[in-house]
Amino acid sequence: MSRVEFMNQLKNLLWDIPEGEREEALNYYEDYFDDAGAENEAQVIAALGSPETVATIIKDGLKEESAEKGEYSETGY
């Protein structure tokens, strides 16, 4: 799987969350790939797991969000 495929699948899986949250998540992971560099694309995908896993982590983080706003990180939201 390539970065483009990963991000397209992630975008499709996040269709049901608020647009602002979706854009923030997608921007975070685009930046994550950018920071790692094209030569490390496969390692980033391996570390993140499947787009389904990432989408689940994001959605679970949004559900658990309390009065204090969360932040995206390598381990999720």
C-alpha atoms as a PDB file:
ATOM      1  CA  MET A   1       0.000   0.000   0.000  1.00  0.00           C
ATOM      2  CA  SER A   2       1.255   3.471  -0.831  1.00  0.00           C
ATOM      3  CA  ARG A   3       0.868   6.700   1.086  1.00  0.00           C
ATOM      4  CA  VAL A   4      -1.766   7.899  -1.389  1.00  0.00           C
ATOM      5  CA  GLU A   5      -3.778   4.702  -1.001  1.00  0.00           C
ATOM      6  CA  PHE A   6      -3.470   4.843   2.797  1.00  0.00           C
ATOM      7  CA  MET A   7      -4.626   8.460   2.962  1.00  0.00           C
ATOM      8  CA  ASN A   8      -7.496   7.925   0.505  1.00  0.00           C
ATOM      9  CA  GLN A   9      -8.757   4.968   2.522  1.00  0.00           C
ATOM     10  CA  LEU A  10      -8.409   6.917   5.764  1.00  0.00           C
ATOM     11  CA  LYS A  11     -10.340   9.845   4.291  1.00  0.00           C
ATOM     12  CA  ASN A  12     -13.129   7.523   3.180  1.00  0.00           C
ATOM     13  CA  LEU A  13     -13.281   5.893   6.612  1.00  0.00           C
ATOM     14  CA  LEU A  14     -13.580   9.265   8.346  1.00  0.00           C
ATOM     15  CA  TRP A  15     -16.536  10.479   6.283  1.00  0.00           C
ATOM     16  CA  ASP A  16     -18.833  10.358   9.333  1.00  0.00           C
ATOM     17  CA  ILE A  17     -16.926  12.662  11.692  1.00  0.00           C
ATOM     18  CA  PRO A  18     -17.189  16.466  11.689  1.00  0.00           C
ATOM     19  CA  GLU A  19     -15.385  18.084   8.770  1.00  0.00           C
ATOM     20  CA  GLY A  20     -13.051  20.104  10.979  1.00  0.00           C
ATOM     21  CA  GLU A  21     -11.973  17.018  12.912  1.00  0.00           C
ATOM     22  CA  ARG A  22     -11.515  15.063   9.676  1.00  0.00           C
ATOM     23  CA  GLU A  23      -9.334  17.772   8.146  1.00  0.00           C
ATOM     24  CA  GLU A  24      -7.252  18.047  11.322  1.00  0.00           C
ATOM     25  CA  ALA A  25      -6.684  14.289  11.392  1.00  0.00           C
ATOM     26  CA  LEU A  26      -5.830  14.063   7.702  1.00  0.00           C
ATOM     27  CA  ASN A  27      -3.456  17.021   7.951  1.00  0.00           C
ATOM     28  CA  TYR A  28      -1.763  15.414  10.952  1.00  0.00           C
ATOM     29  CA  TYR A  29      -1.108  12.169   9.082  1.00  0.00           C
ATOM     30  CA  GLU A  30      -0.011  13.985   5.902  1.00  0.00           C
ATOM     31  CA  ASP A  31       2.502  15.907   8.022  1.00  0.00           C
ATOM     32  CA  TYR A  32       3.567  12.656   9.690  1.00  0.00           C
ATOM     33  CA  PHE A  33       4.368  11.158   6.279  1.00  0.00           C
ATOM     34  CA  ASP A  34       6.108  14.373   5.176  1.00  0.00           C
ATOM     35  CA  ASP A  35       8.286  14.437   8.308  1.00  0.00           C
ATOM     36  CA  ALA A  36       9.301  10.801   7.815  1.00  0.00           C
ATOM     37  CA  GLY A  37      10.249  11.361   4.171  1.00  0.00           C
ATOM     38  CA  ALA A  38       9.329   9.437   1.060  1.00  0.00           C
ATOM     39  CA  GLU A  39      12.082   6.892   1.679  1.00  0.00           C
ATOM     40  CA  ASN A  40      10.372   5.864   4.943  1.00  0.00           C
ATOM     41  CA  GLU A  41       6.807   5.590   3.605  1.00  0.00           C
ATOM     42  CA  ALA A  42       6.638   1.806   4.069  1.00  0.00           C
ATOM     43  CA  GLN A  43       7.923   2.042   7.645  1.00  0.00           C
ATOM     44  CA  VAL A  44       5.339   4.708   8.505  1.00  0.00           C
ATOM     45  CA  ILE A  45       2.525   2.587   7.117  1.00  0.00           C
ATOM     46  CA  ALA A  46       3.807  -0.452   9.031  1.00  0.00           C
ATOM     47  CA  ALA A  47       4.010   1.577  12.256  1.00  0.00           C
ATOM     48  CA  LEU A  48       0.542   3.077  11.849  1.00  0.00           C
ATOM     49  CA  GLY A  49      -1.149  -0.168  10.881  1.00  0.00           C
ATOM     50  CA  SER A  50      -4.131  -0.229   8.576  1.00  0.00           C
ATOM     51  CA  PRO A  51      -6.238   2.823   7.717  1.00  0.00           C
ATOM     52  CA  GLU A  52      -9.088   1.039   9.508  1.00  0.00           C
ATOM     53  CA  THR A  53      -7.044   0.881  12.700  1.00  0.00           C
ATOM     54  CA  VAL A  54      -6.121   4.561  12.488  1.00  0.00           C
ATOM     55  CA  ALA A  55      -9.740   5.562  11.790  1.00  0.00           C
ATOM     56  CA  THR A  56     -10.923   3.547  14.800  1.00  0.00           C
ATOM     57  CA  ILE A  57      -8.346   5.229  17.048  1.00  0.00           C
ATOM     58  CA  ILE A  58      -9.413   8.667  15.823  1.00  0.00           C
ATOM     59  CA  LYS A  59     -13.119   7.952  16.278  1.00  0.00           C
ATOM     60  CA  ASP A  60     -12.584   6.427  19.726  1.00  0.00           C
ATOM     61  CA  GLY A  61     -10.577   9.489  20.726  1.00  0.00           C
ATOM     62  CA  LEU A  62     -13.373  11.784  19.604  1.00  0.00           C
ATOM     63  CA  LYS A  63     -15.917   9.775  21.608  1.00  0.00           C
ATOM     64  CA  GLU A  64     -13.785  10.011  24.727  1.00  0.00           C
ATOM     65  CA  GLU A  65     -13.046  13.694  24.309  1.00  0.00           C
ATOM     66  CA  SER A  66     -13.866  15.518  27.510  1.00  0.00           C
ATOM     67  CA  ALA A  67     -14.088  19.204  28.295  1.00  0.00           C
ATOM     68  CA  GLU A  68     -10.395  19.497  27.409  1.00  0.00           C
ATOM     69  CA  LYS A  69      -9.699  19.166  23.692  1.00  0.00           C
ATOM     70  CA  GLY A  70      -7.425  16.289  22.695  1.00  0.00           C
ATOM     71  CA  GLU A  71      -4.444  16.350  20.386  1.00  0.00           C
ATOM     72  CA  TYR A  72      -3.316  14.024  17.594  1.00  0.00           C
ATOM     73  CA  SER A  73      -0.169  11.975  18.157  1.00  0.00           C
ATOM     74  CA  GLU A  74       1.506   8.838  16.814  1.00  0.00           C
ATOM     75  CA  THR A  75      -0.679   6.741  19.127  1.00  0.00           C
ATOM     76  CA  GLY A  76      -3.950   8.376  18.152  1.00  0.00           C
ATOM     77  CA  TYR A  77      -6.070  11.245  19.315  1.00  0.00           C
END
